[in-house]
């Protein structure tokens, strides 16, 4: 190659580099514009409660732009769909990539804490006994048992009094008869009360049953700056 050709190439080289850089910048700008359009379409889908479409569009926007804020939105959409594992993964990816000053970081932390609590709830319920956490049920059960025990004792006492007076003919002590009858009446009343309290205890047991942890509510979609 002669000297003028080498000189010409040397002079053209910077322009080739600049053209390549300009082309790359134009492609990046086009990707950002497309990502922004996808983000806005996803927000419209979110507002229309089409969370599956919102998640899909935001994922496409993230693939084009790699903007961390989109991961937060993807987590929200997955959470609304009940896809807890996918939501957790998206939130964790967001926290790993988002800057410390991002306002959505605290919300993502809250969502992850709620997800962890929801996962721990079934294990805690399996470990708990049938009466764990049911204070009112315990009180009602104790009161039912006490009423039944006292009622039974009074019935036995009244019946034994009547049995003792079975051989009495004319000179029976009317006070003894009255006491025996009172024991029987109060005993029967307490046994009836115990039966009603037993039914109430069953109702209270169901009312006090631990509530399963609900799926945490997702936050609204975050702002993505393009």
Protein backbone atom coordinates (compact mmCIF):
# COMPACT_ATOMS: atom_id res chain seq x y z
CA UNK A 1 0.00 0.00 0.00
CA UNK A 2 1.42 3.36 -1.02
CA UNK A 3 1.90 6.20 1.39
CA UNK A 4 -1.09 8.32 0.23
CA UNK A 5 -3.42 5.34 0.83
CA UNK A 6 -2.10 4.83 4.37
CA UNK A 7 -2.52 8.51 5.06
CA UNK A 8 -6.07 8.43 3.75
CA UNK A 9 -6.96 5.50 5.97
CA UNK A 10 -5.43 7.21 8.98
CA UNK A 11 -7.48 10.30 8.32
CA UNK A 12 -10.72 8.29 7.86
CA UNK A 13 -10.27 6.06 10.93
CA UNK A 14 -11.64 8.58 13.50
CA UNK A 15 -14.73 9.10 11.39
CA UNK A 16 -15.33 5.35 11.19
CA UNK A 17 -15.07 5.09 14.99
CA UNK A 18 -17.40 8.03 15.45
CA UNK A 19 -19.89 6.53 13.02
CA UNK A 20 -19.82 3.21 14.86
CA UNK A 21 -20.32 4.94 18.19
CA UNK A 22 -23.17 6.98 16.77
CA UNK A 23 -24.77 3.81 15.42
CA UNK A 24 -24.48 2.09 18.79
CA UNK A 25 -25.93 5.13 20.55
CA UNK A 26 -28.80 5.21 18.10
CA UNK A 27 -29.51 1.53 18.74
CA UNK A 28 -29.38 2.09 22.49
CA UNK A 29 -31.71 5.04 22.16
CA UNK A 30 -34.13 2.99 20.10
CA UNK A 31 -34.03 0.18 22.69
CA UNK A 32 -34.76 2.71 25.44
CA UNK A 33 -37.68 4.15 23.51
CA UNK A 34 -39.09 0.68 22.93
CA UNK A 35 -38.57 -0.21 26.59
CA UNK A 36 -40.39 2.95 27.65
CA UNK A 37 -43.33 2.09 25.40
CA UNK A 38 -43.45 -1.41 26.87
CA UNK A 39 -43.35 0.04 30.39
CA UNK A 40 -46.29 2.33 29.63
CA UNK A 41 -48.24 -0.54 28.05
CA UNK A 42 -47.53 -2.61 31.14
CA UNK A 43 -48.80 0.15 33.38
CA UNK A 44 -52.04 0.29 31.39
CA UNK A 45 -52.38 -3.49 31.76
CA UNK A 46 -51.76 -3.15 35.52
CA UNK A 47 -54.45 -0.49 35.84
CA UNK A 48 -56.79 -2.84 33.97
CA UNK A 49 -55.93 -5.67 36.41
CA UNK A 50 -54.30 -7.69 33.62
CA UNK A 51 -51.32 -8.60 35.79
CA UNK A 52 -50.04 -11.41 33.57
CA UNK A 53 -49.74 -9.04 30.59
CA UNK A 54 -48.18 -6.35 32.79
CA UNK A 55 -45.53 -8.79 34.02
CA UNK A 56 -44.79 -9.93 30.48
CA UNK A 57 -44.47 -6.39 29.12
CA UNK A 58 -42.30 -5.21 31.99
CA UNK A 59 -40.05 -8.23 31.58
CA UNK A 60 -39.59 -7.34 27.90
CA UNK A 61 -38.84 -3.74 28.88
CA UNK A 62 -36.25 -4.93 31.39
CA UNK A 63 -34.62 -7.23 28.85
CA UNK A 64 -34.18 -4.21 26.54
CA UNK A 65 -33.10 -1.59 29.06
CA UNK A 66 -31.82 -3.46 32.15
CA UNK A 67 -33.41 -0.79 34.34
CA UNK A 68 -33.65 -2.12 37.90
CA UNK A 69 -36.91 -0.31 38.69
CA UNK A 70 -38.68 -2.60 36.24
CA UNK A 71 -37.80 -5.59 38.44
CA UNK A 72 -39.80 -4.02 41.27
CA UNK A 73 -42.82 -3.74 38.97
CA UNK A 74 -42.38 -7.33 37.81
CA UNK A 75 -42.36 -8.47 41.44
CA UNK A 76 -45.60 -6.58 42.09
CA UNK A 77 -47.32 -8.17 39.12
CA UNK A 78 -46.12 -11.67 40.01
CA UNK A 79 -47.32 -11.16 43.57
CA UNK A 80 -50.79 -10.16 42.35
CA UNK A 81 -50.83 -13.36 40.29
CA UNK A 82 -50.01 -15.40 43.39
CA UNK A 83 -46.63 -16.40 41.94
CA UNK A 84 -44.82 -15.91 45.22
CA UNK A 85 -41.51 -17.52 44.22
CA UNK A 86 -41.25 -15.43 41.05
CA UNK A 87 -42.19 -12.29 42.97
CA UNK A 88 -39.54 -12.98 45.60
CA UNK A 89 -36.89 -13.53 42.92
CA UNK A 90 -37.82 -10.25 41.21
CA UNK A 91 -37.70 -8.28 44.46
CA UNK A 92 -34.32 -9.74 45.39
CA UNK A 93 -32.93 -8.95 41.93
CA UNK A 94 -34.28 -5.41 42.29
CA UNK A 95 -32.59 -4.93 45.69
CA UNK A 96 -29.30 -6.25 44.28
CA UNK A 97 -29.37 -3.83 41.33
CA UNK A 98 -31.20 -0.73 42.59
CA UNK A 99 -29.26 2.22 44.03
CA UNK A 100 -29.47 2.80 47.79
CA UNK A 101 -31.55 5.93 47.33
CA UNK A 102 -34.34 4.19 45.42
CA UNK A 103 -37.68 4.88 47.16
CA UNK A 104 -38.94 1.39 46.26
CA UNK A 105 -36.22 -0.41 48.25
CA UNK A 106 -38.16 -0.14 51.53
CA UNK A 107 -41.32 -1.43 49.82
CA UNK A 108 -39.44 -4.38 48.36
CA UNK A 109 -38.06 -5.21 51.82
CA UNK A 110 -41.61 -5.11 53.24
CA UNK A 111 -42.88 -7.44 50.52
CA UNK A 112 -40.06 -9.91 51.15
CA UNK A 113 -40.74 -9.86 54.91
CA UNK A 114 -44.44 -10.50 54.29
CA UNK A 115 -43.62 -13.37 51.93
CA UNK A 116 -41.33 -14.93 54.53
CA UNK A 117 -44.04 -14.59 57.18
CA UNK A 118 -46.58 -16.21 54.88
CA UNK A 119 -44.27 -19.16 54.28
CA UNK A 120 -43.59 -19.59 57.99
CA UNK A 121 -47.29 -19.59 58.95
CA UNK A 122 -48.16 -23.17 57.79
CA UNK A 123 -45.15 -24.61 59.65
CA UNK A 124 -46.13 -22.76 62.81
CA UNK A 125 -49.71 -23.99 62.48
CA UNK A 126 -48.50 -27.60 62.14
CA UNK A 127 -46.29 -27.26 65.23
CA UNK A 128 -49.04 -25.71 67.34
CA UNK A 129 -51.42 -27.85 69.38
CA UNK A 130 -55.20 -27.76 68.91
CA UNK A 131 -55.65 -25.35 71.85
CA UNK A 132 -52.57 -23.18 71.34
CA UNK A 133 -53.48 -19.51 71.18
CA UNK A 134 -57.11 -20.14 72.17
CA UNK A 135 -57.32 -18.41 75.56
CA UNK A 136 -61.11 -18.00 75.59
CA UNK A 137 -61.52 -21.64 74.58
CA UNK A 138 -59.42 -22.71 77.55
CA UNK A 139 -61.53 -20.57 79.92
CA UNK A 140 -64.79 -21.91 78.50
CA UNK A 141 -63.51 -25.47 78.69
CA UNK A 142 -62.49 -25.04 82.34
CA UNK A 143 -65.85 -23.46 83.23
CA UNK A 144 -67.71 -26.28 81.46
CA UNK A 145 -65.73 -28.89 83.36
CA UNK A 146 -66.30 -27.12 86.69
CA UNK A 147 -70.05 -26.80 86.12
CA UNK A 148 -70.29 -30.45 85.12
CA UNK A 149 -68.26 -31.62 88.13
CA UNK A 150 -70.27 -29.59 90.67
CA UNK A 151 -73.56 -30.59 89.05
CA UNK A 152 -72.60 -34.26 89.14
CA UNK A 153 -71.62 -33.96 92.80
CA UNK A 154 -74.92 -32.34 93.75
CA UNK A 155 -76.92 -34.98 91.89
CA UNK A 156 -75.03 -37.75 93.65
CA UNK A 157 -75.54 -36.01 97.00
CA UNK A 158 -79.26 -35.50 96.43
CA UNK A 159 -79.77 -39.05 95.27
CA UNK A 160 -77.90 -40.43 98.28
CA UNK A 161 -80.09 -38.36 100.59
CA UNK A 162 -83.22 -39.74 98.98
CA UNK A 163 -81.84 -43.26 99.19
CA UNK A 164 -81.16 -42.76 102.89
CA UNK A 165 -84.74 -41.71 103.45
CA UNK A 166 -86.20 -44.63 101.51
CA UNK A 167 -86.87 -46.60 104.71
CA UNK A 168 -88.43 -43.56 106.41
CA UNK A 169 -92.15 -44.07 106.87
CA UNK A 170 -94.00 -41.39 108.79
CA UNK A 171 -91.49 -39.43 110.84
CA UNK A 172 -89.22 -38.22 108.01
CA UNK A 173 -87.41 -34.95 108.51
CA UNK A 174 -88.89 -32.56 106.01
CA UNK A 175 -85.68 -30.48 106.11
CA UNK A 176 -83.72 -33.46 104.83
CA UNK A 177 -86.22 -33.96 102.05
CA UNK A 178 -85.97 -30.30 101.08
CA UNK A 179 -82.16 -30.38 101.10
CA UNK A 180 -82.11 -33.49 98.95
CA UNK A 181 -84.52 -31.94 96.46
CA UNK A 182 -82.51 -28.73 96.35
CA UNK A 183 -79.33 -30.69 95.58
CA UNK A 184 -81.12 -32.49 92.78
CA UNK A 185 -82.58 -29.28 91.32
CA UNK A 186 -79.30 -27.35 91.44
CA UNK A 187 -77.41 -30.35 90.10
CA UNK A 188 -79.75 -30.68 87.14
CA UNK A 189 -79.50 -26.95 86.45
CA UNK A 190 -75.70 -27.09 86.48
CA UNK A 191 -75.64 -30.12 84.21
CA UNK A 192 -77.87 -28.28 81.73
CA UNK A 193 -75.59 -25.25 81.94
CA UNK A 194 -72.54 -27.45 81.37
CA UNK A 195 -74.15 -28.92 78.26
CA UNK A 196 -74.84 -25.45 76.84
CA UNK A 197 -71.33 -24.33 77.72
CA UNK A 198 -69.91 -27.37 75.93
CA UNK A 199 -71.67 -26.30 72.74
CA UNK A 200 -70.44 -22.73 73.21
CA UNK A 201 -66.89 -24.00 73.74
CA UNK A 202 -66.94 -25.77 70.37
CA UNK A 203 -68.13 -22.56 68.68
CA UNK A 204 -65.44 -20.51 70.44
CA UNK A 205 -62.80 -23.05 69.38
CA UNK A 206 -63.65 -22.46 65.72
CA UNK A 207 -63.89 -18.68 66.15
CA UNK A 208 -60.44 -18.55 67.75
CA UNK A 209 -58.87 -20.74 65.07
CA UNK A 210 -55.64 -19.14 63.75
CA UNK A 211 -56.16 -17.36 60.45
CA UNK A 212 -53.92 -18.47 57.58
CA UNK A 213 -51.51 -15.83 56.44
CA UNK A 214 -52.78 -14.01 53.37
CA UNK A 215 -50.77 -13.11 50.33
CA UNK A 216 -49.18 -9.69 50.90
CA UNK A 217 -50.70 -6.90 48.90
CA UNK A 218 -48.49 -5.65 46.11
CA UNK A 219 -47.50 -2.02 45.89
CA UNK A 220 -48.45 0.13 42.92
CA UNK A 221 -46.02 0.08 40.01
CA UNK A 222 -42.95 2.21 40.59
CA UNK A 223 -41.72 5.02 38.42
CA UNK A 224 -39.17 4.08 35.79
CA UNK A 225 -37.03 6.88 34.38
CA UNK A 226 -35.90 6.62 30.77
